[in-house]
C-alpha atoms as a PDB file:
ATOM      1  CA  MET A   1       0.000   0.000   0.000  1.00  0.00           C
ATOM      2  CA  LYS A   2       1.540   3.330  -1.097  1.00  0.00           C
ATOM      3  CA  VAL A   3       0.482   6.585   0.479  1.00  0.00           C
ATOM      4  CA  PRO A   4       2.645   9.561  -0.508  1.00  0.00           C
ATOM      5  CA  ALA A   5       2.223  12.877   1.240  1.00  0.00           C
ATOM      6  CA  PRO A   6      -0.903  14.772   0.123  1.00  0.00           C
ATOM      7  CA  THR A   7      -0.390  17.746  -2.174  1.00  0.00           C
ATOM      8  CA  ALA A   8      -2.618  20.438  -3.657  1.00  0.00           C
ATOM      9  CA  PRO A   9      -5.560  19.218  -5.793  1.00  0.00           C
ATOM     10  CA  PHE A  10      -4.461  18.432  -9.331  1.00  0.00           C
ATOM     11  CA  PHE A  11      -7.796  17.158 -10.646  1.00  0.00           C
ATOM     12  CA  THR A  12     -11.190  18.340  -9.353  1.00  0.00           C
ATOM     13  CA  VAL A  13     -14.769  17.184  -9.982  1.00  0.00           C
ATOM     14  CA  LYS A  14     -17.711  19.206  -8.640  1.00  0.00           C
ATOM     15  CA  GLY A  15     -21.424  18.452  -8.854  1.00  0.00           C
ATOM     16  CA  LEU A  16     -20.988  16.009 -11.734  1.00  0.00           C
ATOM     17  CA  LYS A  17     -24.253  14.595 -13.106  1.00  0.00           C
ATOM     18  CA  LYS A  18     -25.227  12.422 -16.042  1.00  0.00           C
ATOM     19  CA  ARG A  19     -28.852  11.714 -16.868  1.00  0.00           C
ATOM     20  CA  TYR A  20     -30.070   9.680 -19.834  1.00  0.00           C
ATOM     21  CA  PRO A  21     -33.574  10.382 -21.181  1.00  0.00           C
ATOM     22  CA  VAL A  22     -35.956   7.419 -21.515  1.00  0.00           C
ATOM     23  CA  ARG A  23     -38.189   7.817 -24.574  1.00  0.00           C
ATOM     24  CA  THR A  24     -41.445   5.904 -25.055  1.00  0.00           C
ATOM     25  CA  GLY A  25     -44.390   5.847 -27.448  1.00  0.00           C
ATOM     26  CA  MET A  26     -44.593   6.503 -31.167  1.00  0.00           C
ATOM     27  CA  LEU A  27     -43.521  10.129 -30.726  1.00  0.00           C
ATOM     28  CA  ARG A  28     -40.514   9.080 -28.627  1.00  0.00           C
ATOM     29  CA  ARG A  29     -41.323  11.559 -25.913  1.00  0.00           C
ATOM     30  CA  VAL A  30     -39.175  11.674 -22.781  1.00  0.00           C
ATOM     31  CA  SER A  31     -41.111   9.862 -20.069  1.00  0.00           C
ATOM     32  CA  ALA A  32     -38.339   9.408 -17.496  1.00  0.00           C
ATOM     33  CA  GLU A  33     -34.605   9.715 -17.037  1.00  0.00           C
ATOM     34  CA  VAL A  34     -31.857   7.444 -15.776  1.00  0.00           C
ATOM     35  CA  ARG A  35     -29.739   9.162 -13.118  1.00  0.00           C
ATOM     36  CA  ALA A  36     -26.496   7.355 -13.853  1.00  0.00           C
ATOM     37  CA  VAL A  37     -24.356   9.855 -11.932  1.00  0.00           C
ATOM     38  CA  ASP A  38     -26.221  12.259  -9.666  1.00  0.00           C
ATOM     39  CA  GLY A  39     -23.948  14.900  -8.181  1.00  0.00           C
ATOM     40  CA  ILE A  40     -20.496  13.710  -7.147  1.00  0.00           C
ATOM     41  CA  ASP A  41     -17.464  15.647  -5.896  1.00  0.00           C
ATOM     42  CA  PHE A  42     -13.865  14.556  -5.453  1.00  0.00           C
ATOM     43  CA  GLN A  43     -10.272  15.716  -5.833  1.00  0.00           C
ATOM     44  CA  VAL A  44      -7.061  13.930  -6.780  1.00  0.00           C
ATOM     45  CA  SER A  45      -3.585  15.237  -5.966  1.00  0.00           C
ATOM     46  CA  ARG A  46      -0.737  14.980  -8.433  1.00  0.00           C
ATOM     47  CA  GLY A  47       0.975  11.590  -8.473  1.00  0.00           C
ATOM     48  CA  ARG A  48      -1.724   9.863  -6.424  1.00  0.00           C
ATOM     49  CA  THR A  49      -4.312   7.225  -7.288  1.00  0.00           C
ATOM     50  CA  LEU A  50      -8.011   7.521  -6.524  1.00  0.00           C
ATOM     51  CA  GLY A  51      -9.807   4.186  -6.568  1.00  0.00           C
ATOM     52  CA  ILE A  52     -13.542   4.223  -7.354  1.00  0.00           C
ATOM     53  CA  VAL A  53     -15.466   1.120  -6.276  1.00  0.00           C
ATOM     54  CA  GLY A  54     -19.052  -0.061  -6.173  1.00  0.00           C
ATOM     55  CA  GLU A  55     -21.493  -2.577  -7.615  1.00  0.00           C
ATOM     56  CA  SER A  56     -22.194  -2.796 -11.334  1.00  0.00           C
ATOM     57  CA  GLY A  57     -24.460   0.025 -12.438  1.00  0.00           C
ATOM     58  CA  CYS A  58     -23.401   2.465  -9.712  1.00  0.00           C
ATOM     59  CA  GLY A  59     -21.974   4.975 -12.216  1.00  0.00           C
ATOM     60  CA  LYS A  60     -18.244   4.212 -12.103  1.00  0.00           C
ATOM     61  CA  THR A  61     -17.703   3.763 -15.842  1.00  0.00           C
ATOM     62  CA  THR A  62     -20.025   6.649 -16.731  1.00  0.00           C
ATOM     63  CA  THR A  63     -17.885   8.876 -14.507  1.00  0.00           C
ATOM     64  CA  ALA A  64     -14.744   7.655 -16.276  1.00  0.00           C
ATOM     65  CA  ARG A  65     -16.202   8.315 -19.715  1.00  0.00           C
ATOM     66  CA  MET A  66     -17.221  11.848 -18.738  1.00  0.00           C
ATOM     67  CA  ILE A  67     -13.723  12.617 -17.474  1.00  0.00           C
ATOM     68  CA  VAL A  68     -12.184  11.764 -20.853  1.00  0.00           C
ATOM     69  CA  ARG A  69     -15.018  13.471 -22.772  1.00  0.00           C
ATOM     70  CA  LEU A  70     -16.474  10.280 -24.263  1.00  0.00           C
ATOM     71  CA  GLU A  71     -19.737  11.267 -22.581  1.00  0.00           C
ATOM     72  CA  ALA A  72     -21.084  14.794 -22.142  1.00  0.00           C
ATOM     73  CA  PRO A  73     -22.127  15.546 -18.528  1.00  0.00           C
ATOM     74  CA  THR A  74     -25.580  16.929 -17.834  1.00  0.00           C
ATOM     75  CA  GLU A  75     -24.200  19.217 -15.127  1.00  0.00           C
ATOM     76  CA  GLY A  76     -21.013  19.761 -13.204  1.00  0.00           C
ATOM     77  CA  GLU A  77     -17.430  20.919 -13.409  1.00  0.00           C
ATOM     78  CA  ILE A  78     -14.232  19.008 -14.220  1.00  0.00           C
ATOM     79  CA  MET A  79     -10.890  20.800 -13.878  1.00  0.00           C
ATOM     80  CA  LEU A  80      -7.380  19.524 -14.608  1.00  0.00           C
ATOM     81  CA  GLU A  81      -5.217  22.192 -13.018  1.00  0.00           C
ATOM     82  CA  GLU A  82      -6.235  25.334 -14.952  1.00  0.00           C
ATOM     83  CA  LEU A  83      -7.885  23.447 -17.842  1.00  0.00           C
ATOM     84  CA  ASP A  84     -11.698  23.262 -17.900  1.00  0.00           C
ATOM     85  CA  LEU A  85     -12.355  19.812 -19.383  1.00  0.00           C
ATOM     86  CA  LEU A  86     -16.054  20.351 -20.051  1.00  0.00           C
ATOM     87  CA  HIS A  87     -15.745  23.538 -22.087  1.00  0.00           C
ATOM     88  CA  ALA A  88     -12.498  22.848 -23.928  1.00  0.00           C
ATOM     89  CA  ARG A  89     -12.730  23.532 -27.651  1.00  0.00           C
ATOM     90  CA  GLY A  90     -10.278  23.658 -30.535  1.00  0.00           C
ATOM     91  CA  GLU A  91      -6.646  23.716 -29.403  1.00  0.00           C
ATOM     92  CA  GLN A  92      -7.711  23.412 -25.746  1.00  0.00           C
ATOM     93  CA  LEU A  93      -9.523  20.180 -26.594  1.00  0.00           C
ATOM     94  CA  ARG A  94      -6.436  18.853 -28.362  1.00  0.00           C
ATOM     95  CA  GLU A  95      -4.426  19.693 -25.265  1.00  0.00           C
ATOM     96  CA  LEU A  96      -7.001  17.838 -23.166  1.00  0.00           C
ATOM     97  CA  ARG A  97      -6.604  14.732 -25.341  1.00  0.00           C
ATOM     98  CA  ARG A  98      -2.862  14.846 -24.741  1.00  0.00           C
ATOM     99  CA  ARG A  99      -3.135  15.352 -20.978  1.00  0.00           C
ATOM    100  CA  VAL A 100      -5.909  12.845 -20.189  1.00  0.00           C
ATOM    101  CA  GLN A 101      -5.943   9.280 -21.503  1.00  0.00           C
ATOM    102  CA  MET A 102      -7.889   6.110 -20.740  1.00  0.00           C
ATOM    103  CA  ILE A 103      -7.075   2.420 -20.388  1.00  0.00           C
ATOM    104  CA  PHE A 104     -10.138   0.352 -21.254  1.00  0.00           C
ATOM    105  CA  GLN A 105     -11.485  -2.779 -19.601  1.00  0.00           C
ATOM    106  CA  ASP A 106     -11.396  -5.117 -22.603  1.00  0.00           C
ATOM    107  CA  PRO A 107      -7.949  -5.040 -24.235  1.00  0.00           C
ATOM    108  CA  TYR A 108      -9.214  -6.836 -27.335  1.00  0.00           C
ATOM    109  CA  SER A 109     -12.280  -4.801 -28.317  1.00  0.00           C
ATOM    110  CA  SER A 110     -10.459  -1.526 -27.617  1.00  0.00           C
ATOM    111  CA  LEU A 111      -7.744  -2.272 -30.204  1.00  0.00           C
ATOM    112  CA  ASN A 112      -8.322  -2.049 -33.962  1.00  0.00           C
ATOM    113  CA  PRO A 113      -7.934  -5.638 -35.271  1.00  0.00           C
ATOM    114  CA  ARG A 114      -6.944  -4.370 -38.745  1.00  0.00           C
ATOM    115  CA  LYS A 115      -3.886  -2.470 -37.542  1.00  0.00           C
ATOM    116  CA  THR A 116      -0.537  -3.701 -36.354  1.00  0.00           C
ATOM    117  CA  VAL A 117       0.663  -2.886 -32.862  1.00  0.00           C
ATOM    118  CA  GLY A 118       3.119  -0.379 -34.323  1.00  0.00           C
ATOM    119  CA  ARG A 119       0.335   1.506 -36.084  1.00  0.00           C
ATOM    120  CA  ILE A 120      -1.972   1.397 -33.037  1.00  0.00           C
ATOM    121  CA  VAL A 121       0.658   2.892 -30.729  1.00  0.00           C
ATOM    122  CA  GLY A 122       1.988   5.264 -33.387  1.00  0.00           C
ATOM    123  CA  GLU A 123      -1.385   6.719 -34.345  1.00  0.00           C
ATOM    124  CA  PRO A 124      -1.528   9.301 -31.491  1.00  0.00           C
ATOM    125  CA  PHE A 125       1.798  10.752 -32.679  1.00  0.00           C
ATOM    126  CA  ILE A 126       0.325  11.231 -36.163  1.00  0.00           C
ATOM    127  CA  VAL A 127      -3.060  12.593 -35.064  1.00  0.00           C
ATOM    128  CA  HIS A 128      -1.498  15.172 -32.746  1.00  0.00           C
ATOM    129  CA  ALA A 129       1.497  15.874 -35.015  1.00  0.00           C
ATOM    130  CA  VAL A 130       3.946  15.702 -32.129  1.00  0.00           C
ATOM    131  CA  CYS A 131       6.797  14.396 -34.278  1.00  0.00           C
ATOM    132  CA  PRO A 132       7.684  13.959 -37.977  1.00  0.00           C
ATOM    133  CA  ARG A 133       6.140  10.872 -39.594  1.00  0.00           C
ATOM    134  CA  ARG A 134       9.548   9.357 -40.201  1.00  0.00           C
ATOM    135  CA  GLN A 135      10.075   9.263 -36.418  1.00  0.00           C
ATOM    136  CA  VAL A 136       6.705   7.736 -35.519  1.00  0.00           C
ATOM    137  CA  ARG A 137       7.854   4.129 -35.668  1.00  0.00           C
ATOM    138  CA  ASN A 138      10.835   4.808 -33.427  1.00  0.00           C
ATOM    139  CA  ARG A 139       8.669   6.688 -30.927  1.00  0.00           C
ATOM    140  CA  ALA A 140       6.154   3.813 -30.892  1.00  0.00           C
ATOM    141  CA  ALA A 141       8.969   1.334 -30.261  1.00  0.00           C
ATOM    142  CA  GLU A 142      10.172   3.427 -27.305  1.00  0.00           C
ATOM    143  CA  VAL A 143       6.716   3.443 -25.722  1.00  0.00           C
ATOM    144  CA  LEU A 144       6.308  -0.311 -26.241  1.00  0.00           C
ATOM    145  CA  GLU A 145       9.647  -0.838 -24.538  1.00  0.00           C
ATOM    146  CA  LEU A 146       8.283   1.083 -21.533  1.00  0.00           C
ATOM    147  CA  VAL A 147       5.582  -1.566 -21.088  1.00  0.00           C
ATOM    148  CA  SER A 148       8.010  -4.474 -21.656  1.00  0.00           C
ATOM    149  CA  MET A 149       6.706  -5.528 -25.053  1.00  0.00           C
ATOM    150  CA  PRO A 150       9.258  -7.354 -27.296  1.00  0.00           C
ATOM    151  CA  PRO A 151      10.567  -5.502 -30.387  1.00  0.00           C
ATOM    152  CA  ASP A 152       8.942  -7.981 -32.802  1.00  0.00           C
ATOM    153  CA  SER A 153       5.481  -7.033 -31.471  1.00  0.00           C
ATOM    154  CA  MET A 154       5.502  -3.927 -33.699  1.00  0.00           C
ATOM    155  CA  ASN A 155       4.480  -5.993 -36.746  1.00  0.00           C
ATOM    156  CA  ARG A 156       1.945  -8.220 -35.007  1.00  0.00           C
ATOM    157  CA  TYR A 157      -1.839  -7.837 -34.900  1.00  0.00           C
ATOM    158  CA  PRO A 158      -3.935  -7.832 -31.698  1.00  0.00           C
ATOM    159  CA  HIS A 159      -5.292 -11.352 -32.305  1.00  0.00           C
ATOM    160  CA  GLU A 160      -1.716 -12.674 -32.274  1.00  0.00           C
ATOM    161  CA  LEU A 161      -1.151 -11.436 -28.715  1.00  0.00           C
ATOM    162  CA  SER A 162      -2.169 -12.802 -25.328  1.00  0.00           C
ATOM    163  CA  GLY A 163      -4.642 -10.908 -23.163  1.00  0.00           C
ATOM    164  CA  GLY A 164      -1.863  -9.497 -21.002  1.00  0.00           C
ATOM    165  CA  GLN A 165       0.124  -8.368 -24.043  1.00  0.00           C
ATOM    166  CA  ARG A 166      -2.938  -6.700 -25.533  1.00  0.00           C
ATOM    167  CA  GLN A 167      -3.476  -4.748 -22.322  1.00  0.00           C
ATOM    168  CA  ARG A 168       0.183  -3.698 -22.375  1.00  0.00           C
ATOM    169  CA  VAL A 169      -0.426  -2.342 -25.889  1.00  0.00           C
ATOM    170  CA  GLY A 170      -3.470  -0.463 -24.559  1.00  0.00           C
ATOM    171  CA  ILE A 171      -1.314   1.005 -21.803  1.00  0.00           C
ATOM    172  CA  ALA A 172       1.387   1.943 -24.338  1.00  0.00           C
ATOM    173  CA  ARG A 173      -1.184   3.730 -26.490  1.00  0.00           C
ATOM    174  CA  ALA A 174      -2.376   5.675 -23.445  1.00  0.00           C
ATOM    175  CA  LEU A 175       1.219   6.688 -22.625  1.00  0.00           C
ATOM    176  CA  ALA A 176       2.139   7.779 -26.149  1.00  0.00           C
ATOM    177  CA  LEU A 177       1.364  11.482 -25.673  1.00  0.00           C
ATOM    178  CA  SER A 178       2.899  11.717 -22.165  1.00  0.00           C
ATOM    179  CA  PRO A 179      -0.419  12.308 -20.349  1.00  0.00           C
ATOM    180  CA  ARG A 180      -0.685  13.696 -16.825  1.00  0.00           C
ATOM    181  CA  LEU A 181      -3.843  11.803 -15.850  1.00  0.00           C
ATOM    182  CA  ILE A 182      -4.814   8.256 -16.843  1.00  0.00           C
ATOM    183  CA  VAL A 183      -8.286   6.855 -16.189  1.00  0.00           C
ATOM    184  CA  CYS A 184      -8.109   3.077 -15.733  1.00  0.00           C
ATOM    185  CA  ASP A 185     -11.543   1.505 -16.260  1.00  0.00           C
ATOM    186  CA  GLU A 186     -11.239  -1.954 -14.668  1.00  0.00           C
ATOM    187  CA  PRO A 187      -8.010  -2.612 -16.616  1.00  0.00           C
ATOM    188  CA  ILE A 188      -7.403  -6.091 -15.182  1.00  0.00           C
ATOM    189  CA  SER A 189     -10.921  -7.520 -14.772  1.00  0.00           C
ATOM    190  CA  ALA A 190     -10.859  -9.167 -18.237  1.00  0.00           C
ATOM    191  CA  LEU A 191      -7.424 -10.742 -17.691  1.00  0.00           C
ATOM    192  CA  ASP A 192      -6.401 -14.132 -16.331  1.00  0.00           C
ATOM    193  CA  VAL A 193      -5.727 -14.152 -12.605  1.00  0.00           C
ATOM    194  CA  SER A 194      -2.146 -15.233 -13.255  1.00  0.00           C
ATOM    195  CA  ILE A 195      -1.225 -12.003 -15.052  1.00  0.00           C
ATOM    196  CA  ARG A 196      -3.288  -9.436 -13.157  1.00  0.00           C
ATOM    197  CA  SER A 197      -0.498  -8.779 -10.668  1.00  0.00           C
ATOM    198  CA  GLN A 198       1.951  -8.177 -13.542  1.00  0.00           C
ATOM    199  CA  ILE A 199      -0.257  -5.451 -15.011  1.00  0.00           C
ATOM    200  CA  LEU A 200      -0.840  -3.881 -11.589  1.00  0.00           C
ATOM    201  CA  ASN A 201       2.877  -3.814 -10.860  1.00  0.00           C
ATOM    202  CA  LEU A 202       3.514  -2.334 -14.308  1.00  0.00           C
ATOM    203  CA  LEU A 203       1.019   0.479 -13.608  1.00  0.00           C
ATOM    204  CA  LEU A 204       2.691   1.206 -10.267  1.00  0.00           C
ATOM    205  CA  GLU A 205       6.143   1.211 -11.862  1.00  0.00           C
ATOM    206  CA  LEU A 206       5.015   3.563 -14.631  1.00  0.00           C
ATOM    207  CA  GLN A 207       3.360   5.881 -12.126  1.00  0.00           C
ATOM    208  CA  GLU A 208       6.584   6.219 -10.166  1.00  0.00           C
ATOM    209  CA  ARG A 209       8.778   6.599 -13.236  1.00  0.00           C
ATOM    210  CA  LEU A 210       6.560   9.045 -15.158  1.00  0.00           C
ATOM    211  CA  SER A 211       4.855  10.874 -12.243  1.00  0.00           C
ATOM    212  CA  LEU A 212       1.398   9.808 -13.405  1.00  0.00           C
ATOM    213  CA  THR A 213      -1.913  10.428 -11.668  1.00  0.00           C
ATOM    214  CA  TYR A 214      -4.495   7.621 -11.850  1.00  0.00           C
ATOM    215  CA  ILE A 215      -8.222   7.277 -11.409  1.00  0.00           C
ATOM    216  CA  PHE A 216      -8.584   3.522 -10.983  1.00  0.00           C
ATOM    217  CA  ILE A 217     -12.054   2.018 -11.348  1.00  0.00           C
ATOM    218  CA  ALA A 218     -12.628  -1.506 -10.062  1.00  0.00           C
ATOM    219  CA  HIS A 219     -15.053  -3.755  -8.234  1.00  0.00           C
ATOM    220  CA  ASP A 220     -12.303  -5.833  -6.593  1.00  0.00           C
ATOM    221  CA  LEU A 221     -11.495  -4.155  -3.279  1.00  0.00           C
ATOM    222  CA  SER A 222      -8.299  -6.141  -2.750  1.00  0.00           C
ATOM    223  CA  VAL A 223      -6.944  -4.676  -5.992  1.00  0.00           C
ATOM    224  CA  VAL A 224      -8.020  -1.177  -4.982  1.00  0.00           C
ATOM    225  CA  GLU A 225      -6.286  -1.570  -1.617  1.00  0.00           C
ATOM    226  CA  HIS A 226      -3.054  -2.547  -3.400  1.00  0.00           C
ATOM    227  CA  ILE A 227      -2.885   0.291  -5.931  1.00  0.00           C
ATOM    228  CA  SER A 228      -4.852   3.240  -4.490  1.00  0.00           C
ATOM    229  CA  ASP A 229      -3.959   6.095  -2.172  1.00  0.00           C
ATOM    230  CA  ASP A 230      -7.575   7.193  -1.701  1.00  0.00           C
ATOM    231  CA  VAL A 231     -10.854   5.350  -2.299  1.00  0.00           C
ATOM    232  CA  ALA A 232     -14.327   6.611  -3.222  1.00  0.00           C
ATOM    233  CA  VAL A 233     -17.258   4.214  -2.715  1.00  0.00           C
ATOM    234  CA  MET A 234     -20.203   4.755  -5.088  1.00  0.00           C
ATOM    235  CA  TYR A 235     -23.783   3.564  -4.743  1.00  0.00           C
ATOM    236  CA  LEU A 236     -26.532   4.336  -7.266  1.00  0.00           C
ATOM    237  CA  GLY A 237     -24.819   7.392  -8.756  1.00  0.00           C
ATOM    238  CA  LYS A 238     -23.635   8.880  -5.449  1.00  0.00           C
ATOM    239  CA  ILE A 239     -20.387   8.796  -3.486  1.00  0.00           C
ATOM    240  CA  VAL A 240     -21.273   7.452  -0.029  1.00  0.00           C
ATOM    241  CA  GLU A 241     -17.764   7.400   1.455  1.00  0.00           C
ATOM    242  CA  ILE A 242     -14.344   8.684   0.446  1.00  0.00           C
ATOM    243  CA  ALA A 243     -11.137   8.366   2.456  1.00  0.00           C
ATOM    244  CA  PRO A 244      -7.438   7.465   2.334  1.00  0.00           C
ATOM    245  CA  VAL A 245      -7.125   3.757   1.634  1.00  0.00           C
ATOM    246  CA  GLY A 246      -5.814   2.863   5.095  1.00  0.00           C
ATOM    247  CA  SER A 247      -8.564   4.779   6.853  1.00  0.00           C
ATOM    248  CA  LEU A 248     -11.279   3.256   4.682  1.00  0.00           C
ATOM    249  CA  PHE A 249     -10.164  -0.337   5.209  1.00  0.00           C
ATOM    250  CA  ASP A 250      -9.401   0.045   8.928  1.00  0.00           C
ATOM    251  CA  ARG A 251     -12.148   2.479   9.985  1.00  0.00           C
ATOM    252  CA  HIS A 252     -14.883   2.299   7.376  1.00  0.00           C
ATOM    253  CA  LEU A 253     -18.080   4.035   8.421  1.00  0.00           C
ATOM    254  CA  HIS A 254     -20.834   3.649   5.832  1.00  0.00           C
ATOM    255  CA  PRO A 255     -22.967   0.464   6.089  1.00  0.00           C
ATOM    256  CA  TYR A 256     -22.556  -0.112   2.341  1.00  0.00           C
ATOM    257  CA  THR A 257     -18.748   0.071   2.578  1.00  0.00           C
ATOM    258  CA  GLU A 258     -18.929  -2.359   5.492  1.00  0.00           C
ATOM    259  CA  ALA A 259     -20.924  -4.816   3.388  1.00  0.00           C
ATOM    260  CA  LEU A 260     -18.494  -4.539   0.466  1.00  0.00           C
ATOM    261  CA  LEU A 261     -15.466  -5.146   2.677  1.00  0.00           C
ATOM    262  CA  SER A 262     -17.089  -8.145   4.358  1.00  0.00           C
ATOM    263  CA  ALA A 263     -17.093  -9.884   0.965  1.00  0.00           C
ATOM    264  CA  VAL A 264     -13.324  -9.508   0.443  1.00  0.00           C
ATOM    265  CA  PRO A 265     -11.607 -12.914   0.916  1.00  0.00           C
ATOM    266  CA  HIS A 266      -8.670 -12.951   3.334  1.00  0.00           C
ATOM    267  CA  PRO A 267      -5.972 -15.663   3.488  1.00  0.00           C
ATOM    268  CA  ASP A 268      -5.733 -15.361   7.290  1.00  0.00           C
ATOM    269  CA  PRO A 269      -8.810 -16.984   8.896  1.00  0.00           C
ATOM    270  CA  ALA A 270      -8.339 -14.854  12.013  1.00  0.00           C
ATOM    271  CA  LYS A 271      -8.824 -11.666   9.960  1.00  0.00           C
ATOM    272  CA  ARG A 272     -11.875 -12.827   8.031  1.00  0.00           C
ATOM    273  CA  LYS A 273     -15.100 -10.975   8.717  1.00  0.00           C
ATOM    274  CA  ASP A 274     -18.633 -12.276   8.899  1.00  0.00           C
ATOM    275  CA  ARG A 275     -20.227 -11.822   5.501  1.00  0.00           C
ATOM    276  CA  ILE A 276     -22.928  -9.142   5.454  1.00  0.00           C
ATOM    277  CA  ILE A 277     -25.715 -10.085   3.057  1.00  0.00           C
ATOM    278  CA  LEU A 278     -27.684  -7.046   1.938  1.00  0.00           C
ATOM    279  CA  SER A 279     -31.428  -7.544   1.620  1.00  0.00           C
ATOM    280  CA  GLY A 280     -33.399  -6.567  -1.455  1.00  0.00           C
ATOM    281  CA  GLU A 281     -32.217  -5.465  -4.888  1.00  0.00           C
ATOM    282  CA  VAL A 282     -30.432  -2.354  -6.055  1.00  0.00           C
ATOM    283  CA  PRO A 283     -33.169   0.214  -6.833  1.00  0.00           C
ATOM    284  CA  SER A 284     -33.644   1.479 -10.364  1.00  0.00           C
ATOM    285  CA  PRO A 285     -31.646   4.625 -11.220  1.00  0.00           C
ATOM    286  CA  MET A 286     -34.810   5.823 -12.994  1.00  0.00           C
ATOM    287  CA  ASN A 287     -36.644   5.943  -9.662  1.00  0.00           C
ATOM    288  CA  PRO A 288     -34.150   6.074  -6.799  1.00  0.00           C
ATOM    289  CA  PRO A 289     -35.428   6.065  -3.203  1.00  0.00           C
ATOM    290  CA  SER A 290     -36.092   9.356  -1.462  1.00  0.00           C
ATOM    291  CA  GLY A 291     -33.543  10.586   1.040  1.00  0.00           C
ATOM    292  CA  CYS A 292     -30.634   8.168   1.378  1.00  0.00           C
ATOM    293  CA  ARG A 293     -30.430   5.925  -1.661  1.00  0.00           C
ATOM    294  CA  PHE A 294     -29.083   3.030   0.384  1.00  0.00           C
ATOM    295  CA  ARG A 295     -31.896   3.079   2.952  1.00  0.00           C
ATOM    296  CA  THR A 296     -33.955   0.308   1.293  1.00  0.00           C
ATOM    297  CA  ARG A 297     -31.108  -2.155   1.937  1.00  0.00           C
ATOM    298  CA  CYS A 298     -29.505  -0.587   5.010  1.00  0.00           C
ATOM    299  CA  PRO A 299     -29.596  -2.490   8.335  1.00  0.00           C
ATOM    300  CA  ILE A 300     -29.586   0.741  10.394  1.00  0.00           C
ATOM    301  CA  ALA A 301     -32.073   2.813   8.354  1.00  0.00           C
ATOM    302  CA  ALA A 302     -34.603   4.962  10.224  1.00  0.00           C
ATOM    303  CA  ASP A 303     -37.357   7.444   9.341  1.00  0.00           C
ATOM    304  CA  ILE A 304     -34.939  10.311   8.786  1.00  0.00           C
ATOM    305  CA  CYS A 305     -33.212   8.315   6.042  1.00  0.00           C
ATOM    306  CA  ALA A 306     -36.361   8.522   3.884  1.00  0.00           C
ATOM    307  CA  GLN A 307     -36.959  12.191   4.643  1.00  0.00           C
ATOM    308  CA  ALA A 308     -33.540  13.760   4.054  1.00  0.00           C
ATOM    309  CA  GLU A 309     -30.542  12.910   1.898  1.00  0.00           C
ATOM    310  CA  PRO A 310     -27.416  12.719   4.072  1.00  0.00           C
ATOM    311  CA  PRO A 311     -24.660  15.119   2.957  1.00  0.00           C
ATOM    312  CA  LEU A 312     -21.117  13.910   2.405  1.00  0.00           C
ATOM    313  CA  LYS A 313     -19.703  15.204   5.700  1.00  0.00           C
ATOM    314  CA  GLU A 314     -16.234  15.088   7.203  1.00  0.00           C
ATOM    315  CA  ALA A 315     -15.819  12.295   9.741  1.00  0.00           C
ATOM    316  CA  GLY A 316     -12.078  12.665  10.259  1.00  0.00           C
ATOM    317  CA  ALA A 317      -8.992  13.969   8.539  1.00  0.00           C
ATOM    318  CA  THR A 318      -9.758  13.620   4.792  1.00  0.00           C
ATOM    319  CA  HIS A 319     -12.424  10.990   5.608  1.00  0.00           C
ATOM    320  CA  PHE A 320     -15.967  11.798   4.393  1.00  0.00           C
ATOM    321  CA  VAL A 321     -19.157   9.770   4.732  1.00  0.00           C
ATOM    322  CA  ALA A 322     -22.803  10.270   3.699  1.00  0.00           C
ATOM    323  CA  CYS A 323     -24.773   8.761   6.582  1.00  0.00           C
ATOM    324  CA  HIS A 324     -27.084  10.221   9.237  1.00  0.00           C
ATOM    325  CA  PHE A 325     -25.780   7.875  11.944  1.00  0.00           C
ATOM    326  CA  ARG A 326     -22.106   7.427  11.142  1.00  0.00           C
ATOM    327  CA  GLY A 327     -19.281   9.934  11.251  1.00  0.00           C
END
């Protein structure tokens, strides 16, 4: 677990929302909306890693796609130092593409099967005109060397590579333009267990060598504990708890975080926790519960939980929780 000293915010998200209209009938009128992300705030300091965890459908990937401008937010603010990511246009948008990159979950579908590895990794240099075309191949080879890919991989196609090698190519492509922030959307979940640790260690090594800042999205809390400095727990489009990784794992406060951590397997029987089984199903993001969104499954819910939404309040040094009874 790595926890460098905190520094000033490098990346800031405020009031971020994403709502998808639901259209019905012959006239395709909007009858409802899906609140995929419904007002989240967080900051990441330079050189640190923020892990974002939660069940499927909680809004993790939607958040990632908004950060890299693959999705347009409904509301909110995203700032990378002085650069406004949501309103960047023209040359500012090109600068954004160079500063912020993404590593996708599936290393096969995210790579063009018709292009060689050399062309895939070299394409960002051509699109952004950062070097003469005659130097593109050499620059691509240098980036592939960073991720420990053999020299002969330049002429191979994605289907000729293993899953781990394909993800290394995806990482190389993300590194090509020397970004400052990399969004990792479950980058190891589609890989064999035997090579997940290799990719994680590679990401940590690259972060130290290149002074990278990561937003690491995952559902595996043991992975998040290994790579993150801070962790945000999401439930139904909201952040319910955010804290330094050590504080979250040792002194977690929100009942949902407690349930997630109880499901993490531990090799030491003495440290295993009783599994907390949540009742009911995750509510629909089209019609979330009033007040606290977790109240329909929460073991400590009371009347106030249905009447008022708990704010994300400070419960300790850099530890925030959204719960009426905890903190």
